[in-house]
Amino acid sequence: FIATTQPRVVGIFAGASPFSGKIGVKIAANRRLGVCTSSGTVGPSFSYGTADAATVIAGDALLADAVATAAGNLVQDENDLLAAADHAMSIPGVLGVLLIKGDKMAARGEIELTPI
C-alpha cells in the first residue's frame, strides 16, 4: 500500500530478466494505491506461471495482490503476456499491470515506466 504526497518510483525486481532492477513504475503524487508484484521464478512462493514479474496497481492492496498472482499464473511463456495483461485489466478496480518474462514485457493501464 502506498499513500504518498509526492511522486514515487517503485523498482521492479524480475529475477534473471534483463529488466530486473533497471526499470521502475512511477506513482504520481497524492495517490493511495495498492501495488503488488508476484513471480513464478523469484522467491519461495508457489506459482502456476513462469512470469519473472507480474506487477499490478489497484485502488486496493488486496486486489493488487490477488490479480498479480492470477496474471502471473497465466504466463507460461512470452506469448502469454498480452492476454494475461488484458485479463488483469478486465478486473474492476485494477488500474495498471506490468508483466515481464525474460526479455519481453507487456504493460496496460496506468503504468509509466522509468529507468532506475
C-alpha atoms as a PDB file:
ATOM      1  CA  PHE A   1       0.000   0.000   0.000  1.00  0.00           C
ATOM      2  CA  ILE A   2       1.340   3.416  -0.937  1.00  0.00           C
ATOM      3  CA  ALA A   3      -0.056   6.703   0.356  1.00  0.00           C
ATOM      4  CA  THR A   4       2.122   9.479  -0.986  1.00  0.00           C
ATOM      5  CA  THR A   5       2.025  13.242  -1.274  1.00  0.00           C
ATOM      6  CA  GLN A   6       4.934  13.301  -3.715  1.00  0.00           C
ATOM      7  CA  PRO A   7       5.877  11.291  -6.811  1.00  0.00           C
ATOM      8  CA  ARG A   8       7.471   7.904  -6.136  1.00  0.00           C
ATOM      9  CA  VAL A   9       9.138   5.171  -8.178  1.00  0.00           C
ATOM     10  CA  VAL A  10       8.568   1.510  -7.373  1.00  0.00           C
ATOM     11  CA  GLY A  11      11.534  -0.578  -8.547  1.00  0.00           C
ATOM     12  CA  ILE A  12      10.852  -3.838 -10.367  1.00  0.00           C
ATOM     13  CA  PHE A  13      12.859  -6.929  -9.445  1.00  0.00           C
ATOM     14  CA  ALA A  14      12.327  -9.627 -12.072  1.00  0.00           C
ATOM     15  CA  GLY A  15      14.953 -12.250 -11.296  1.00  0.00           C
ATOM     16  CA  ALA A  16      17.208 -13.090 -14.257  1.00  0.00           C
ATOM     17  CA  SER A  17      15.287 -10.842 -16.692  1.00  0.00           C
ATOM     18  CA  PRO A  18      17.433  -8.088 -18.244  1.00  0.00           C
ATOM     19  CA  PHE A  19      14.805  -5.592 -16.974  1.00  0.00           C
ATOM     20  CA  SER A  20      15.376  -6.595 -13.345  1.00  0.00           C
ATOM     21  CA  GLY A  21      16.478  -3.677 -11.200  1.00  0.00           C
ATOM     22  CA  LYS A  22      16.709  -1.409 -14.241  1.00  0.00           C
ATOM     23  CA  ILE A  23      13.131  -0.158 -14.524  1.00  0.00           C
ATOM     24  CA  GLY A  24      10.571   1.245 -12.161  1.00  0.00           C
ATOM     25  CA  VAL A  25       6.928   2.255 -12.238  1.00  0.00           C
ATOM     26  CA  LYS A  26       6.175   5.900 -11.489  1.00  0.00           C
ATOM     27  CA  ILE A  27       3.485   6.639  -8.927  1.00  0.00           C
ATOM     28  CA  ALA A  28       2.021  10.145  -9.105  1.00  0.00           C
ATOM     29  CA  ALA A  29       1.744  12.459  -6.106  1.00  0.00           C
ATOM     30  CA  ASN A  30      -1.345  12.468  -3.908  1.00  0.00           C
ATOM     31  CA  ARG A  31      -2.266   8.839  -4.547  1.00  0.00           C
ATOM     32  CA  ARG A  32      -3.372   5.972  -2.312  1.00  0.00           C
ATOM     33  CA  LEU A  33      -2.785   2.698  -4.127  1.00  0.00           C
ATOM     34  CA  GLY A  34      -2.131  -0.972  -3.721  1.00  0.00           C
ATOM     35  CA  VAL A  35       0.959  -2.150  -5.613  1.00  0.00           C
ATOM     36  CA  CYS A  36       1.967  -5.800  -5.691  1.00  0.00           C
ATOM     37  CA  THR A  37       4.391  -7.967  -7.644  1.00  0.00           C
ATOM     38  CA  SER A  38       4.159 -11.728  -7.961  1.00  0.00           C
ATOM     39  CA  SER A  39       6.647 -14.048  -9.658  1.00  0.00           C
ATOM     40  CA  GLY A  40       6.889 -17.620 -10.834  1.00  0.00           C
ATOM     41  CA  THR A  41      10.693 -17.503 -10.964  1.00  0.00           C
ATOM     42  CA  VAL A  42      11.714 -15.435  -7.923  1.00  0.00           C
ATOM     43  CA  GLY A  43      11.152 -16.320  -4.280  1.00  0.00           C
ATOM     44  CA  PRO A  44       9.763 -19.323  -2.457  1.00  0.00           C
ATOM     45  CA  SER A  45       6.057 -18.903  -3.222  1.00  0.00           C
ATOM     46  CA  PHE A  46       4.348 -21.461  -5.444  1.00  0.00           C
ATOM     47  CA  SER A  47       3.062 -20.206  -8.800  1.00  0.00           C
ATOM     48  CA  TYR A  48       1.294 -21.917 -11.685  1.00  0.00           C
ATOM     49  CA  GLY A  49       3.011 -19.495 -14.079  1.00  0.00           C
ATOM     50  CA  THR A  50       6.535 -18.558 -15.082  1.00  0.00           C
ATOM     51  CA  ALA A  51       6.353 -14.749 -15.156  1.00  0.00           C
ATOM     52  CA  ASP A  52       9.534 -13.125 -13.902  1.00  0.00           C
ATOM     53  CA  ALA A  53       7.362 -10.283 -12.574  1.00  0.00           C
ATOM     54  CA  ALA A  54       3.634  -9.588 -12.567  1.00  0.00           C
ATOM     55  CA  THR A  55       3.068  -6.128 -11.084  1.00  0.00           C
ATOM     56  CA  VAL A  56      -0.432  -4.764 -10.528  1.00  0.00           C
ATOM     57  CA  ILE A  57      -1.600  -1.345  -9.380  1.00  0.00           C
ATOM     58  CA  ALA A  58      -5.106  -1.145  -7.971  1.00  0.00           C
ATOM     59  CA  GLY A  59      -7.182   1.013  -5.677  1.00  0.00           C
ATOM     60  CA  ASP A  60      -6.939  -1.738  -3.047  1.00  0.00           C
ATOM     61  CA  ALA A  61      -3.785  -3.584  -1.933  1.00  0.00           C
ATOM     62  CA  LEU A  62      -5.588  -6.925  -1.525  1.00  0.00           C
ATOM     63  CA  LEU A  63      -6.929  -6.691  -5.056  1.00  0.00           C
ATOM     64  CA  ALA A  64      -3.461  -5.825  -6.393  1.00  0.00           C
ATOM     65  CA  ASP A  65      -2.033  -8.906  -4.662  1.00  0.00           C
ATOM     66  CA  ALA A  66      -4.741 -11.262  -5.929  1.00  0.00           C
ATOM     67  CA  VAL A  67      -4.594 -10.005  -9.511  1.00  0.00           C
ATOM     68  CA  ALA A  68      -0.767 -10.056  -9.598  1.00  0.00           C
ATOM     69  CA  THR A  69      -0.917 -13.725  -8.612  1.00  0.00           C
ATOM     70  CA  ALA A  70      -3.666 -14.503 -11.128  1.00  0.00           C
ATOM     71  CA  ALA A  71      -1.961 -12.678 -14.008  1.00  0.00           C
ATOM     72  CA  GLY A  72       1.386 -14.299 -13.251  1.00  0.00           C
ATOM     73  CA  ASN A  73      -0.277 -17.718 -13.219  1.00  0.00           C
ATOM     74  CA  LEU A  74      -1.461 -17.139 -16.799  1.00  0.00           C
ATOM     75  CA  VAL A  75       2.081 -16.613 -18.139  1.00  0.00           C
ATOM     76  CA  GLN A  76       3.784 -19.790 -19.328  1.00  0.00           C
ATOM     77  CA  ASP A  77       5.932 -18.074 -21.965  1.00  0.00           C
ATOM     78  CA  GLU A  78       6.314 -14.642 -23.575  1.00  0.00           C
ATOM     79  CA  ASN A  79       3.417 -15.359 -25.939  1.00  0.00           C
ATOM     80  CA  ASP A  80       1.031 -15.189 -22.971  1.00  0.00           C
ATOM     81  CA  LEU A  81       1.993 -11.677 -21.809  1.00  0.00           C
ATOM     82  CA  LEU A  82      -0.584  -9.658 -23.766  1.00  0.00           C
ATOM     83  CA  ALA A  83      -3.532 -11.922 -22.987  1.00  0.00           C
ATOM     84  CA  ALA A  84      -2.599 -12.038 -19.289  1.00  0.00           C
ATOM     85  CA  ALA A  85      -2.290  -8.231 -19.171  1.00  0.00           C
ATOM     86  CA  ASP A  86      -5.662  -7.823 -20.888  1.00  0.00           C
ATOM     87  CA  HIS A  87      -7.245 -10.265 -18.444  1.00  0.00           C
ATOM     88  CA  ALA A  88      -5.847  -8.358 -15.462  1.00  0.00           C
ATOM     89  CA  MET A  89      -7.175  -5.058 -16.827  1.00  0.00           C
ATOM     90  CA  SER A  90     -10.651  -6.566 -17.255  1.00  0.00           C
ATOM     91  CA  ILE A  91     -10.995  -6.864 -13.466  1.00  0.00           C
ATOM     92  CA  PRO A  92     -12.821  -3.875 -11.912  1.00  0.00           C
ATOM     93  CA  GLY A  93     -10.548  -1.819  -9.669  1.00  0.00           C
ATOM     94  CA  VAL A  94      -7.310  -2.686 -11.477  1.00  0.00           C
ATOM     95  CA  LEU A  95      -5.584   0.495 -12.655  1.00  0.00           C
ATOM     96  CA  GLY A  96      -2.460  -0.915 -14.310  1.00  0.00           C
ATOM     97  CA  VAL A  97      -0.447  -4.067 -14.962  1.00  0.00           C
ATOM     98  CA  LEU A  98       3.139  -4.818 -15.971  1.00  0.00           C
ATOM     99  CA  LEU A  99       4.167  -8.361 -16.903  1.00  0.00           C
ATOM    100  CA  ILE A 100       7.734  -9.473 -17.584  1.00  0.00           C
ATOM    101  CA  LYS A 101       9.011 -12.772 -18.961  1.00  0.00           C
ATOM    102  CA  GLY A 102      12.674 -12.866 -19.943  1.00  0.00           C
ATOM    103  CA  ASP A 103      13.405 -10.000 -22.332  1.00  0.00           C
ATOM    104  CA  LYS A 104       9.736  -9.305 -23.130  1.00  0.00           C
ATOM    105  CA  MET A 105       7.153  -7.236 -21.292  1.00  0.00           C
ATOM    106  CA  ALA A 106       3.547  -6.090 -21.597  1.00  0.00           C
ATOM    107  CA  ALA A 107       2.030  -3.072 -19.873  1.00  0.00           C
ATOM    108  CA  ARG A 108      -1.530  -1.806 -19.717  1.00  0.00           C
ATOM    109  CA  GLY A 109      -3.367   0.981 -17.925  1.00  0.00           C
ATOM    110  CA  GLU A 110      -1.695   3.444 -15.537  1.00  0.00           C
ATOM    111  CA  ILE A 111       1.842   2.136 -15.970  1.00  0.00           C
ATOM    112  CA  GLU A 112       4.520   4.749 -16.555  1.00  0.00           C
ATOM    113  CA  LEU A 113       7.933   3.106 -16.788  1.00  0.00           C
ATOM    114  CA  THR A 114      11.151   4.874 -15.902  1.00  0.00           C
ATOM    115  CA  PRO A 115      14.778   3.736 -15.858  1.00  0.00           C
ATOM    116  CA  ILE A 116      16.387   3.395 -12.437  1.00  0.00           C
END
